[in-house]
Amino acid sequence: MLLMVNKSVLRKFSNQELEGYLKEGNRFVPEAVQMAFEILEERGRIFTEQERSSVQQMMQNKRNAEEAKLTEEKETWKDHITEDPNAIRLYSRTTILVSSVFSVPSPDLFYYF
């Protein structure tokens, strides 16, 4: 998922709003979290090593989750697989193509009608 994060927009937020970007379980992309962290530092917020480590770990986890989701989506589309357990099983594209070629009526049959 490619989202653009505008740092100038984040600069308009209060420190309290930016702190929300650093909380575990937030819905923000890693780049937004990183920018919020940097803005808070620029504003004089001092982070302990534990806080720094926690924020870095959270951003890495978000990146890993994003990457895993992208990979899974690509694999699902590549294999034409559905996750729906109630979906009916369909024939492969190759099977449909081959059976279509052999089941097309001959043009000679139309002359008899």
PDB file of N, CA and C in Angstrom:
ATOM      1  N   MET A   1       0.852  -1.149   0.000  1.00  0.00           N
ATOM      2  CA  MET A   1       0.000   0.000   0.000  1.00  0.00           C
ATOM      3  C   MET A   1       0.906   1.221   0.000  1.00  0.00           C
ATOM      4  N   LEU A   2       0.691   2.076  -0.985  1.00  0.00           N
ATOM      5  CA  LEU A   2       1.537   3.241  -1.090  1.00  0.00           C
ATOM      6  C   LEU A   2       0.717   4.457  -0.710  1.00  0.00           C
ATOM      7  N   LEU A   3       1.038   5.050   0.424  1.00  0.00           N
ATOM      8  CA  LEU A   3       0.364   6.251   0.878  1.00  0.00           C
ATOM      9  C   LEU A   3       1.392   7.349   1.057  1.00  0.00           C
ATOM     10  N   MET A   4       1.021   8.534   0.646  1.00  0.00           N
ATOM     11  CA  MET A   4       1.907   9.669   0.822  1.00  0.00           C
ATOM     12  C   MET A   4       1.602  10.318   2.163  1.00  0.00           C
ATOM     13  N   VAL A   5       2.656  10.634   2.878  1.00  0.00           N
ATOM     14  CA  VAL A   5       2.501  11.294   4.167  1.00  0.00           C
ATOM     15  C   VAL A   5       3.135  12.670   4.033  1.00  0.00           C
ATOM     16  N   ASN A   6       2.370  13.691   4.359  1.00  0.00           N
ATOM     17  CA  ASN A   6       2.844  15.056   4.229  1.00  0.00           C
ATOM     18  C   ASN A   6       3.253  15.579   5.603  1.00  0.00           C
ATOM     19  N   LYS A   7       4.539  15.824   5.762  1.00  0.00           N
ATOM     20  CA  LYS A   7       5.058  16.261   7.061  1.00  0.00           C
ATOM     21  C   LYS A   7       4.497  17.619   7.460  1.00  0.00           C
ATOM     22  N   SER A   8       4.256  18.490   6.485  1.00  0.00           N
ATOM     23  CA  SER A   8       3.727  19.818   6.814  1.00  0.00           C
ATOM     24  C   SER A   8       2.325  19.721   7.421  1.00  0.00           C
ATOM     25  N   VAL A   9       1.572  18.714   7.014  1.00  0.00           N
ATOM     26  CA  VAL A   9       0.244  18.511   7.608  1.00  0.00           C
ATOM     27  C   VAL A   9       0.396  18.048   9.049  1.00  0.00           C
ATOM     28  N   LEU A  10       1.336  17.134   9.282  1.00  0.00           N
ATOM     29  CA  LEU A  10       1.548  16.633  10.648  1.00  0.00           C
ATOM     30  C   LEU A  10       2.059  17.724  11.580  1.00  0.00           C
ATOM     31  N   ARG A  11       2.814  18.673  11.046  1.00  0.00           N
ATOM     32  CA  ARG A  11       3.336  19.772  11.874  1.00  0.00           C
ATOM     33  C   ARG A  11       2.218  20.610  12.493  1.00  0.00           C
ATOM     34  N   LYS A  12       1.051  20.615  11.879  1.00  0.00           N
ATOM     35  CA  LYS A  12      -0.083  21.396  12.388  1.00  0.00           C
ATOM     36  C   LYS A  12      -0.740  20.748  13.603  1.00  0.00           C
ATOM     37  N   PHE A  13      -0.441  19.471  13.828  1.00  0.00           N
ATOM     38  CA  PHE A  13      -1.055  18.758  14.946  1.00  0.00           C
ATOM     39  C   PHE A  13      -0.409  19.148  16.264  1.00  0.00           C
ATOM     40  N   SER A  14      -1.192  19.009  17.312  1.00  0.00           N
ATOM     41  CA  SER A  14      -0.664  19.266  18.654  1.00  0.00           C
ATOM     42  C   SER A  14       0.246  18.114  19.068  1.00  0.00           C
ATOM     43  N   ASN A  15       1.027  18.356  20.112  1.00  0.00           N
ATOM     44  CA  ASN A  15       1.900  17.290  20.625  1.00  0.00           C
ATOM     45  C   ASN A  15       1.085  16.082  21.069  1.00  0.00           C
ATOM     46  N   GLN A  16      -0.060  16.345  21.674  1.00  0.00           N
ATOM     47  CA  GLN A  16      -0.911  15.247  22.148  1.00  0.00           C
ATOM     48  C   GLN A  16      -1.403  14.402  20.972  1.00  0.00           C
ATOM     49  N   GLU A  17      -1.787  15.064  19.873  1.00  0.00           N
ATOM     50  CA  GLU A  17      -2.231  14.320  18.690  1.00  0.00           C
ATOM     51  C   GLU A  17      -1.082  13.510  18.095  1.00  0.00           C
ATOM     52  N   LEU A  18       0.116  14.089  18.068  1.00  0.00           N
ATOM     53  CA  LEU A  18       1.279  13.375  17.537  1.00  0.00           C
ATOM     54  C   LEU A  18       1.664  12.198  18.424  1.00  0.00           C
ATOM     55  N   GLU A  19       1.475  12.341  19.728  1.00  0.00           N
ATOM     56  CA  GLU A  19       1.758  11.232  20.652  1.00  0.00           C
ATOM     57  C   GLU A  19       0.875  10.033  20.325  1.00  0.00           C
ATOM     58  N   GLY A  20      -0.341  10.294  19.813  1.00  0.00           N
ATOM     59  CA  GLY A  20      -1.248   9.221  19.421  1.00  0.00           C
ATOM     60  C   GLY A  20      -0.671   8.368  18.297  1.00  0.00           C
ATOM     61  N   TYR A  21       0.195   8.975  17.477  1.00  0.00           N
ATOM     62  CA  TYR A  21       0.845   8.236  16.395  1.00  0.00           C
ATOM     63  C   TYR A  21       1.854   7.232  16.934  1.00  0.00           C
ATOM     64  N   LEU A  22       2.325   7.449  18.151  1.00  0.00           N
ATOM     65  CA  LEU A  22       3.367   6.601  18.729  1.00  0.00           C
ATOM     66  C   LEU A  22       2.815   5.499  19.610  1.00  0.00           C
ATOM     67  N   LYS A  23       1.510   5.476  19.794  1.00  0.00           N
ATOM     68  CA  LYS A  23       0.902   4.451  20.645  1.00  0.00           C
ATOM     69  C   LYS A  23       0.780   3.134  19.895  1.00  0.00           C
ATOM     70  N   GLU A  24       0.993   2.068  20.609  1.00  0.00           N
ATOM     71  CA  GLU A  24       0.888   0.717  20.044  1.00  0.00           C
ATOM     72  C   GLU A  24      -0.542   0.475  19.573  1.00  0.00           C
ATOM     73  N   GLY A  25      -0.689  -0.146  18.419  1.00  0.00           N
ATOM     74  CA  GLY A  25      -2.009  -0.474  17.895  1.00  0.00           C
ATOM     75  C   GLY A  25      -2.657   0.650  17.107  1.00  0.00           C
ATOM     76  N   ASN A  26      -1.912   1.728  16.829  1.00  0.00           N
ATOM     77  CA  ASN A  26      -2.502   2.809  16.036  1.00  0.00           C
ATOM     78  C   ASN A  26      -2.676   2.357  14.595  1.00  0.00           C
ATOM     79  N   ARG A  27      -3.423   3.105  13.817  1.00  0.00           N
ATOM     80  CA  ARG A  27      -3.736   2.713  12.443  1.00  0.00           C
ATOM     81  C   ARG A  27      -2.883   3.446  11.409  1.00  0.00           C
ATOM     82  N   PHE A  28      -1.848   4.129  11.848  1.00  0.00           N
ATOM     83  CA  PHE A  28      -1.048   4.946  10.945  1.00  0.00           C
ATOM     84  C   PHE A  28       0.083   4.150  10.291  1.00  0.00           C
ATOM     85  N   VAL A  29       0.440   4.569   9.069  1.00  0.00           N
ATOM     86  CA  VAL A  29       1.525   3.914   8.336  1.00  0.00           C
ATOM     87  C   VAL A  29       2.858   4.248   9.013  1.00  0.00           C
ATOM     88  N   PRO A  30       3.869   3.387   8.847  1.00  0.00           N
ATOM     89  CA  PRO A  30       5.161   3.588   9.515  1.00  0.00           C
ATOM     90  C   PRO A  30       5.805   4.940   9.215  1.00  0.00           C
ATOM     91  N   GLU A  31       5.634   5.432   7.992  1.00  0.00           N
ATOM     92  CA  GLU A  31       6.222   6.717   7.629  1.00  0.00           C
ATOM     93  C   GLU A  31       5.620   7.858   8.443  1.00  0.00           C
ATOM     94  N   ALA A  32       4.309   7.798   8.676  1.00  0.00           N
ATOM     95  CA  ALA A  32       3.636   8.820   9.482  1.00  0.00           C
ATOM     96  C   ALA A  32       4.110   8.750  10.930  1.00  0.00           C
ATOM     97  N   VAL A  33       4.306   7.546  11.425  1.00  0.00           N
ATOM     98  CA  VAL A  33       4.799   7.372  12.803  1.00  0.00           C
ATOM     99  C   VAL A  33       6.195   7.971  12.926  1.00  0.00           C
ATOM    100  N   GLN A  34       7.048   7.697  11.937  1.00  0.00           N
ATOM    101  CA  GLN A  34       8.407   8.222  11.933  1.00  0.00           C
ATOM    102  C   GLN A  34       8.399   9.747  11.912  1.00  0.00           C
ATOM    103  N   MET A  35       7.562  10.328  11.080  1.00  0.00           N
ATOM    104  CA  MET A  35       7.488  11.788  10.994  1.00  0.00           C
ATOM    105  C   MET A  35       6.966  12.408  12.278  1.00  0.00           C
ATOM    106  N   ALA A  36       5.970  11.780  12.879  1.00  0.00           N
ATOM    107  CA  ALA A  36       5.442  12.278  14.148  1.00  0.00           C
ATOM    108  C   ALA A  36       6.535  12.244  15.219  1.00  0.00           C
ATOM    109  N   PHE A  37       7.300  11.175  15.232  1.00  0.00           N
ATOM    110  CA  PHE A  37       8.411  11.027  16.168  1.00  0.00           C
ATOM    111  C   PHE A  37       9.430  12.160  15.972  1.00  0.00           C
ATOM    112  N   GLU A  38       9.792  12.410  14.717  1.00  0.00           N
ATOM    113  CA  GLU A  38      10.764  13.460  14.402  1.00  0.00           C
ATOM    114  C   GLU A  38      10.252  14.850  14.784  1.00  0.00           C
ATOM    115  N   ILE A  39       8.984  15.119  14.504  1.00  0.00           N
ATOM    116  CA  ILE A  39       8.401  16.419  14.836  1.00  0.00           C
ATOM    117  C   ILE A  39       8.404  16.630  16.343  1.00  0.00           C
ATOM    118  N   LEU A  40       8.036  15.596  17.086  1.00  0.00           N
ATOM    119  CA  LEU A  40       8.050  15.712  18.549  1.00  0.00           C
ATOM    120  C   LEU A  40       9.462  15.979  19.061  1.00  0.00           C
ATOM    121  N   GLU A  41      10.455  15.330  18.472  1.00  0.00           N
ATOM    122  CA  GLU A  41      11.848  15.589  18.856  1.00  0.00           C
ATOM    123  C   GLU A  41      12.239  17.031  18.548  1.00  0.00           C
ATOM    124  N   GLU A  42      11.836  17.519  17.378  1.00  0.00           N
ATOM    125  CA  GLU A  42      12.122  18.907  17.003  1.00  0.00           C
ATOM    126  C   GLU A  42      11.496  19.888  17.977  1.00  0.00           C
ATOM    127  N   ARG A  43      10.361  19.525  18.528  1.00  0.00           N
ATOM    128  CA  ARG A  43       9.652  20.386  19.476  1.00  0.00           C
ATOM    129  C   ARG A  43      10.188  20.256  20.901  1.00  0.00           C
ATOM    130  N   GLY A  44      11.215  19.450  21.057  1.00  0.00           N
ATOM    131  CA  GLY A  44      11.852  19.355  22.369  1.00  0.00           C
ATOM    132  C   GLY A  44      11.462  18.156  23.206  1.00  0.00           C
ATOM    133  N   ARG A  45      10.666  17.263  22.685  1.00  0.00           N
ATOM    134  CA  ARG A  45      10.277  16.055  23.429  1.00  0.00           C
ATOM    135  C   ARG A  45      11.498  15.157  23.545  1.00  0.00           C
ATOM    136  N   ILE A  46      11.830  14.760  24.762  1.00  0.00           N
ATOM    137  CA  ILE A  46      12.957  13.862  25.019  1.00  0.00           C
ATOM    138  C   ILE A  46      12.410  12.444  25.175  1.00  0.00           C
ATOM    139  N   PHE A  47      12.907  11.544  24.371  1.00  0.00           N
ATOM    140  CA  PHE A  47      12.486  10.148  24.434  1.00  0.00           C
ATOM    141  C   PHE A  47      13.550   9.332  25.153  1.00  0.00           C
ATOM    142  N   THR A  48      13.095   8.421  26.019  1.00  0.00           N
ATOM    143  CA  THR A  48      14.027   7.499  26.665  1.00  0.00           C
ATOM    144  C   THR A  48      14.445   6.447  25.632  1.00  0.00           C
ATOM    145  N   GLU A  49      15.479   5.721  25.940  1.00  0.00           N
ATOM    146  CA  GLU A  49      15.923   4.654  25.036  1.00  0.00           C
ATOM    147  C   GLU A  49      14.836   3.603  24.862  1.00  0.00           C
ATOM    148  N   GLN A  50      14.125   3.328  25.941  1.00  0.00           N
ATOM    149  CA  GLN A  50      13.045   2.346  25.879  1.00  0.00           C
ATOM    150  C   GLN A  50      11.937   2.827  24.935  1.00  0.00           C
ATOM    151  N   GLU A  51      11.585   4.122  25.013  1.00  0.00           N
ATOM    152  CA  GLU A  51      10.562   4.670  24.123  1.00  0.00           C
ATOM    153  C   GLU A  51      11.028   4.633  22.666  1.00  0.00           C
ATOM    154  N   ARG A  52      12.284   5.011  22.454  1.00  0.00           N
ATOM    155  CA  ARG A  52      12.852   4.980  21.097  1.00  0.00           C
ATOM    156  C   ARG A  52      12.790   3.558  20.531  1.00  0.00           C
ATOM    157  N   SER A  53      13.225   2.631  21.332  1.00  0.00           N
ATOM    158  CA  SER A  53      13.245   1.236  20.916  1.00  0.00           C
ATOM    159  C   SER A  53      11.833   0.735  20.620  1.00  0.00           C
ATOM    160  N   SER A  54      10.897   1.114  21.462  1.00  0.00           N
ATOM    161  CA  SER A  54       9.508   0.694  21.300  1.00  0.00           C
ATOM    162  C   SER A  54       8.923   1.250  20.001  1.00  0.00           C
ATOM    163  N   VAL A  55       9.192   2.521  19.724  1.00  0.00           N
ATOM    164  CA  VAL A  55       8.677   3.142  18.495  1.00  0.00           C
ATOM    165  C   VAL A  55       9.325   2.498  17.271  1.00  0.00           C
ATOM    166  N   GLN A  56      10.629   2.265  17.319  1.00  0.00           N
ATOM    167  CA  GLN A  56      11.321   1.624  16.196  1.00  0.00           C
ATOM    168  C   GLN A  56      10.774   0.218  15.946  1.00  0.00           C
ATOM    169  N   GLN A  57      10.548  -0.519  17.016  1.00  0.00           N
ATOM    170  CA  GLN A  57      10.010  -1.876  16.895  1.00  0.00           C
ATOM    171  C   GLN A  57       8.601  -1.856  16.306  1.00  0.00           C
ATOM    172  N   MET A  58       7.786  -0.898  16.761  1.00  0.00           N
ATOM    173  CA  MET A  58       6.426  -0.774  16.250  1.00  0.00           C
ATOM    174  C   MET A  58       6.448  -0.466  14.753  1.00  0.00           C
ATOM    175  N   MET A  59       7.323   0.446  14.336  1.00  0.00           N
ATOM    176  CA  MET A  59       7.416   0.786  12.909  1.00  0.00           C
ATOM    177  C   MET A  59       7.869  -0.421  12.094  1.00  0.00           C
ATOM    178  N   GLN A  60       8.819  -1.178  12.617  1.00  0.00           N
ATOM    179  CA  GLN A  60       9.296  -2.363  11.903  1.00  0.00           C
ATOM    180  C   GLN A  60       8.192  -3.413  11.796  1.00  0.00           C
ATOM    181  N   ASN A  61       7.433  -3.584  12.870  1.00  0.00           N
ATOM    182  CA  ASN A  61       6.312  -4.532  12.842  1.00  0.00           C
ATOM    183  C   ASN A  61       5.270  -4.124  11.808  1.00  0.00           C
ATOM    184  N   LYS A  62       4.999  -2.810  11.720  1.00  0.00           N
ATOM    185  CA  LYS A  62       4.042  -2.309  10.737  1.00  0.00           C
ATOM    186  C   LYS A  62       4.552  -2.569   9.321  1.00  0.00           C
ATOM    187  N   ARG A  63       5.835  -2.319   9.090  1.00  0.00           N
ATOM    188  CA  ARG A  63       6.416  -2.559   7.769  1.00  0.00           C
ATOM    189  C   ARG A  63       6.328  -4.046   7.406  1.00  0.00           C
ATOM    190  N   ASN A  64       6.655  -4.893   8.363  1.00  0.00           N
ATOM    191  CA  ASN A  64       6.592  -6.337   8.119  1.00  0.00           C
ATOM    192  C   ASN A  64       5.169  -6.787   7.811  1.00  0.00           C
ATOM    193  N   ALA A  65       4.206  -6.257   8.561  1.00  0.00           N
ATOM    194  CA  ALA A  65       2.805  -6.617   8.344  1.00  0.00           C
ATOM    195  C   ALA A  65       2.337  -6.132   6.970  1.00  0.00           C
ATOM    196  N   GLU A  66       2.747  -4.914   6.604  1.00  0.00           N
ATOM    197  CA  GLU A  66       2.404  -4.356   5.296  1.00  0.00           C
ATOM    198  C   GLU A  66       2.969  -5.217   4.168  1.00  0.00           C
ATOM    199  N   GLU A  67       4.227  -5.591   4.327  1.00  0.00           N
ATOM    200  CA  GLU A  67       4.909  -6.409   3.323  1.00  0.00           C
ATOM    201  C   GLU A  67       4.254  -7.791   3.211  1.00  0.00           C
ATOM    202  N   ALA A  68       3.927  -8.379   4.343  1.00  0.00           N
ATOM    203  CA  ALA A  68       3.289  -9.700   4.344  1.00  0.00           C
ATOM    204  C   ALA A  68       1.920  -9.635   3.669  1.00  0.00           C
ATOM    205  N   LYS A  69       1.177  -8.588   3.932  1.00  0.00           N
ATOM    206  CA  LYS A  69      -0.142  -8.439   3.332  1.00  0.00           C
ATOM    207  C   LYS A  69      -0.025  -8.273   1.816  1.00  0.00           C
ATOM    208  N   LEU A  70       0.933  -7.470   1.372  1.00  0.00           N
ATOM    209  CA  LEU A  70       1.157  -7.280  -0.060  1.00  0.00           C
ATOM    210  C   LEU A  70       1.531  -8.589  -0.739  1.00  0.00           C
ATOM    211  N   THR A  71       2.433  -9.331  -0.109  1.00  0.00           N
ATOM    212  CA  THR A  71       2.869 -10.614  -0.663  1.00  0.00           C
ATOM    213  C   THR A  71       1.701 -11.579  -0.747  1.00  0.00           C
ATOM    214  N   GLU A  72       0.898 -11.617   0.292  1.00  0.00           N
ATOM    215  CA  GLU A  72      -0.267 -12.512   0.310  1.00  0.00           C
ATOM    216  C   GLU A  72      -1.262 -12.136  -0.775  1.00  0.00           C
ATOM    217  N   GLU A  73      -1.497 -10.829  -0.961  1.00  0.00           N
ATOM    218  CA  GLU A  73      -2.426 -10.385  -1.998  1.00  0.00           C
ATOM    219  C   GLU A  73      -1.912 -10.759  -3.382  1.00  0.00           C
ATOM    220  N   LYS A  74      -0.617 -10.592  -3.609  1.00  0.00           N
ATOM    221  CA  LYS A  74      -0.035 -10.946  -4.905  1.00  0.00           C
ATOM    222  C   LYS A  74      -0.174 -12.445  -5.159  1.00  0.00           C
ATOM    223  N   GLU A  75       0.097 -13.254  -4.157  1.00  0.00           N
ATOM    224  CA  GLU A  75      -0.003 -14.708  -4.309  1.00  0.00           C
ATOM    225  C   GLU A  75      -1.443 -15.132  -4.582  1.00  0.00           C
ATOM    226  N   THR A  76      -2.379 -14.522  -3.879  1.00  0.00           N
ATOM    227  CA  THR A  76      -3.783 -14.873  -4.063  1.00  0.00           C
ATOM    228  C   THR A  76      -4.227 -14.537  -5.481  1.00  0.00           C
ATOM    229  N   TRP A  77      -3.855 -13.365  -5.976  1.00  0.00           N
ATOM    230  CA  TRP A  77      -4.237 -12.985  -7.332  1.00  0.00           C
ATOM    231  C   TRP A  77      -3.520 -13.846  -8.362  1.00  0.00           C
ATOM    232  N   LYS A  78      -2.266 -14.156  -8.100  1.00  0.00           N
ATOM    233  CA  LYS A  78      -1.491 -14.958  -9.040  1.00  0.00           C
ATOM    234  C   LYS A  78      -2.103 -16.347  -9.203  1.00  0.00           C
ATOM    235  N   ASP A  79      -2.532 -16.927  -8.127  1.00  0.00           N
ATOM    236  CA  ASP A  79      -3.078 -18.285  -8.154  1.00  0.00           C
ATOM    237  C   ASP A  79      -4.581 -18.313  -8.425  1.00  0.00           C
ATOM    238  N   HIS A  80      -5.210 -17.150  -8.480  1.00  0.00           N
ATOM    239  CA  HIS A  80      -6.657 -17.056  -8.685  1.00  0.00           C
ATOM    240  C   HIS A  80      -7.401 -17.863  -7.620  1.00  0.00           C
ATOM    241  N   ILE A  81      -6.990 -17.694  -6.402  1.00  0.00           N
ATOM    242  CA  ILE A  81      -7.567 -18.441  -5.285  1.00  0.00           C
ATOM    243  C   ILE A  81      -8.479 -17.527  -4.482  1.00  0.00           C
ATOM    244  N   THR A  82      -9.558 -18.088  -4.021  1.00  0.00           N
ATOM    245  CA  THR A  82     -10.445 -17.348  -3.137  1.00  0.00           C
ATOM    246  C   THR A  82     -10.299 -17.895  -1.724  1.00  0.00           C
ATOM    247  N   GLU A  83     -10.523 -17.039  -0.778  1.00  0.00           N
ATOM    248  CA  GLU A  83     -10.461 -17.444   0.628  1.00  0.00           C
ATOM    249  C   GLU A  83     -11.822 -17.936   1.125  1.00  0.00           C
ATOM    250  N   ASP A  84     -12.841 -17.795   0.302  1.00  0.00           N
ATOM    251  CA  ASP A  84     -14.199 -18.157   0.688  1.00  0.00           C
ATOM    252  C   ASP A  84     -14.362 -19.676   0.714  1.00  0.00           C
ATOM    253  N   PRO A  85     -14.631 -20.267   1.885  1.00  0.00           N
ATOM    254  CA  PRO A  85     -14.780 -21.724   1.968  1.00  0.00           C
ATOM    255  C   PRO A  85     -16.069 -22.224   1.293  1.00  0.00           C
ATOM    256  N   ASN A  86     -17.030 -21.334   1.040  1.00  0.00           N
ATOM    257  CA  ASN A  86     -18.289 -21.716   0.410  1.00  0.00           C
ATOM    258  C   ASN A  86     -18.259 -21.588  -1.106  1.00  0.00           C
ATOM    259  N   ALA A  87     -17.145 -21.105  -1.651  1.00  0.00           N
ATOM    260  CA  ALA A  87     -17.050 -20.920  -3.108  1.00  0.00           C
ATOM    261  C   ALA A  87     -17.025 -22.277  -3.807  1.00  0.00           C
ATOM    262  N   ILE A  88     -17.661 -22.319  -4.970  1.00  0.00           N
ATOM    263  CA  ILE A  88     -17.654 -23.572  -5.731  1.00  0.00           C
ATOM    264  C   ILE A  88     -16.317 -23.707  -6.461  1.00  0.00           C
ATOM    265  N   ARG A  89     -15.923 -24.924  -6.686  1.00  0.00           N
ATOM    266  CA  ARG A  89     -14.656 -25.172  -7.365  1.00  0.00           C
ATOM    267  C   ARG A  89     -14.851 -25.007  -8.865  1.00  0.00           C
ATOM    268  N   LEU A  90     -13.959 -24.242  -9.485  1.00  0.00           N
ATOM    269  CA  LEU A  90     -14.049 -23.985 -10.914  1.00  0.00           C
ATOM    270  C   LEU A  90     -12.906 -24.675 -11.641  1.00  0.00           C
ATOM    271  N   TYR A  91     -13.091 -24.852 -12.946  1.00  0.00           N
ATOM    272  CA  TYR A  91     -12.024 -25.434 -13.755  1.00  0.00           C
ATOM    273  C   TYR A  91     -10.929 -24.401 -14.000  1.00  0.00           C
ATOM    274  N   SER A  92      -9.717 -24.894 -14.259  1.00  0.00           N
ATOM    275  CA  SER A  92      -8.607 -23.987 -14.544  1.00  0.00           C
ATOM    276  C   SER A  92      -8.810 -23.345 -15.909  1.00  0.00           C
ATOM    277  N   ARG A  93      -8.114 -22.254 -16.173  1.00  0.00           N
ATOM    278  CA  ARG A  93      -8.220 -21.565 -17.453  1.00  0.00           C
ATOM    279  C   ARG A  93      -7.779 -22.467 -18.606  1.00  0.00           C
ATOM    280  N   THR A  94      -6.754 -23.265 -18.377  1.00  0.00           N
ATOM    281  CA  THR A  94      -6.251 -24.167 -19.414  1.00  0.00           C
ATOM    282  C   THR A  94      -7.310 -25.191 -19.795  1.00  0.00           C
ATOM    283  N   THR A  95      -7.964 -25.775 -18.805  1.00  0.00           N
ATOM    284  CA  THR A  95      -9.007 -26.765 -19.066  1.00  0.00           C
ATOM    285  C   THR A  95     -10.148 -26.140 -19.866  1.00  0.00           C
ATOM    286  N   ILE A  96     -10.540 -24.947 -19.520  1.00  0.00           N
ATOM    287  CA  ILE A  96     -11.620 -24.260 -20.225  1.00  0.00           C
ATOM    288  C   ILE A  96     -11.219 -23.973 -21.667  1.00  0.00           C
ATOM    289  N   LEU A  97      -9.998 -23.521 -21.873  1.00  0.00           N
ATOM    290  CA  LEU A  97      -9.516 -23.225 -23.222  1.00  0.00           C
ATOM    291  C   LEU A  97      -9.498 -24.474 -24.096  1.00  0.00           C
ATOM    292  N   VAL A  98      -8.933 -25.550 -23.576  1.00  0.00           N
ATOM    293  CA  VAL A  98      -8.833 -26.792 -24.346  1.00  0.00           C
ATOM    294  C   VAL A  98     -10.225 -27.329 -24.672  1.00  0.00           C
ATOM    295  N   SER A  99     -11.109 -27.354 -23.711  1.00  0.00           N
ATOM    296  CA  SER A  99     -12.452 -27.885 -23.968  1.00  0.00           C
ATOM    297  C   SER A  99     -13.219 -26.981 -24.926  1.00  0.00           C
ATOM    298  N   SER A 100     -12.958 -25.689 -24.912  1.00  0.00           N
ATOM    299  CA  SER A 100     -13.620 -24.765 -25.840  1.00  0.00           C
ATOM    300  C   SER A 100     -13.190 -25.028 -27.267  1.00  0.00           C
ATOM    301  N   VAL A 101     -11.922 -25.281 -27.466  1.00  0.00           N
ATOM    302  CA  VAL A 101     -11.409 -25.531 -28.811  1.00  0.00           C
ATOM    303  C   VAL A 101     -12.029 -26.791 -29.389  1.00  0.00           C
ATOM    304  N   PHE A 102     -12.167 -27.821 -28.581  1.00  0.00           N
ATOM    305  CA  PHE A 102     -12.703 -29.090 -29.077  1.00  0.00           C
ATOM    306  C   PHE A 102     -14.223 -29.131 -29.145  1.00  0.00           C
ATOM    307  N   SER A 103     -14.895 -28.210 -28.487  1.00  0.00           N
ATOM    308  CA  SER A 103     -16.351 -28.262 -28.488  1.00  0.00           C
ATOM    309  C   SER A 103     -16.980 -27.264 -29.461  1.00  0.00           C
ATOM    310  N   VAL A 104     -16.177 -26.501 -30.177  1.00  0.00           N
ATOM    311  CA  VAL A 104     -16.715 -25.553 -31.151  1.00  0.00           C
ATOM    312  C   VAL A 104     -17.257 -26.339 -32.337  1.00  0.00           C
ATOM    313  N   PRO A 105     -18.500 -26.084 -32.724  1.00  0.00           N
ATOM    314  CA  PRO A 105     -19.078 -26.827 -33.850  1.00  0.00           C
ATOM    315  C   PRO A 105     -18.386 -26.474 -35.169  1.00  0.00           C
ATOM    316  N   SER A 106     -18.322 -27.433 -36.021  1.00  0.00           N
ATOM    317  CA  SER A 106     -17.706 -27.248 -37.321  1.00  0.00           C
ATOM    318  C   SER A 106     -18.633 -26.398 -38.200  1.00  0.00           C
ATOM    319  N   PRO A 107     -18.066 -25.488 -39.003  1.00  0.00           N
ATOM    320  CA  PRO A 107     -18.917 -24.677 -39.887  1.00  0.00           C
ATOM    321  C   PRO A 107     -19.678 -25.540 -40.901  1.00  0.00           C
ATOM    322  N   ASP A 108     -19.196 -26.731 -41.209  1.00  0.00           N
ATOM    323  CA  ASP A 108     -19.874 -27.616 -42.158  1.00  0.00           C
ATOM    324  C   ASP A 108     -21.236 -28.056 -41.642  1.00  0.00           C
ATOM    325  N   LEU A 109     -21.417 -28.093 -40.325  1.00  0.00           N
ATOM    326  CA  LEU A 109     -22.692 -28.527 -39.760  1.00  0.00           C
ATOM    327  C   LEU A 109     -23.813 -27.546 -40.084  1.00  0.00           C
ATOM    328  N   PHE A 110     -23.469 -26.295 -40.252  1.00  0.00           N
ATOM    329  CA  PHE A 110     -24.504 -25.294 -40.513  1.00  0.00           C
ATOM    330  C   PHE A 110     -25.094 -25.413 -41.926  1.00  0.00           C
ATOM    331  N   TYR A 111     -24.393 -26.042 -42.832  1.00  0.00           N
ATOM    332  CA  TYR A 111     -24.902 -26.203 -44.185  1.00  0.00           C
ATOM    333  C   TYR A 111     -26.058 -27.196 -44.258  1.00  0.00           C
ATOM    334  N   TYR A 112     -26.148 -28.083 -43.304  1.00  0.00           N
ATOM    335  CA  TYR A 112     -27.181 -29.104 -43.330  1.00  0.00           C
ATOM    336  C   TYR A 112     -28.523 -28.597 -42.828  1.00  0.00           C
ATOM    337  N   PHE A 113     -28.519 -27.462 -42.179  1.00  0.00           N
ATOM    338  CA  PHE A 113     -29.765 -26.959 -41.604  1.00  0.00           C
ATOM    339  C   PHE A 113     -30.449 -26.010 -42.501  1.00  0.00           C
TER     340      PHE A 113
END
